[in-house]
Amino acid sequence: MFHANPGHESEITVDLLVSGMHCPSCVALIEEVVADIAGVSSVRVDLDRAASEVRFDPGVVTADQLCAVIGDLGYQASVDKPTN
């Protein structure tokens, strides 16, 4: 799910579903790598929810690219789709 960020018009927040995480080290690795991606301003990974919230500038990086980077680390990531 995407969210606008008031005061940061060029940034959005996306909720990603992340599977394959087993421990706090998995969380730390994903947070460290994603935080270093150009355009990402914040990342928070929740092991219990198997999810991540990432705030980024979509003019610099896309949600699909974020998922691909997480995938390169050995996890599966996808954009959380809102339920209607």
Foldseek 3Di string as FASTA:
>chain_A
DWAADPPCRQKIKFKKQKPDDDDVVLQVVLQVVLCPQPFWDHKGQDPVRNMMITMGGVVRPNPVRSQVVNVVVPMGMDTDDDDD
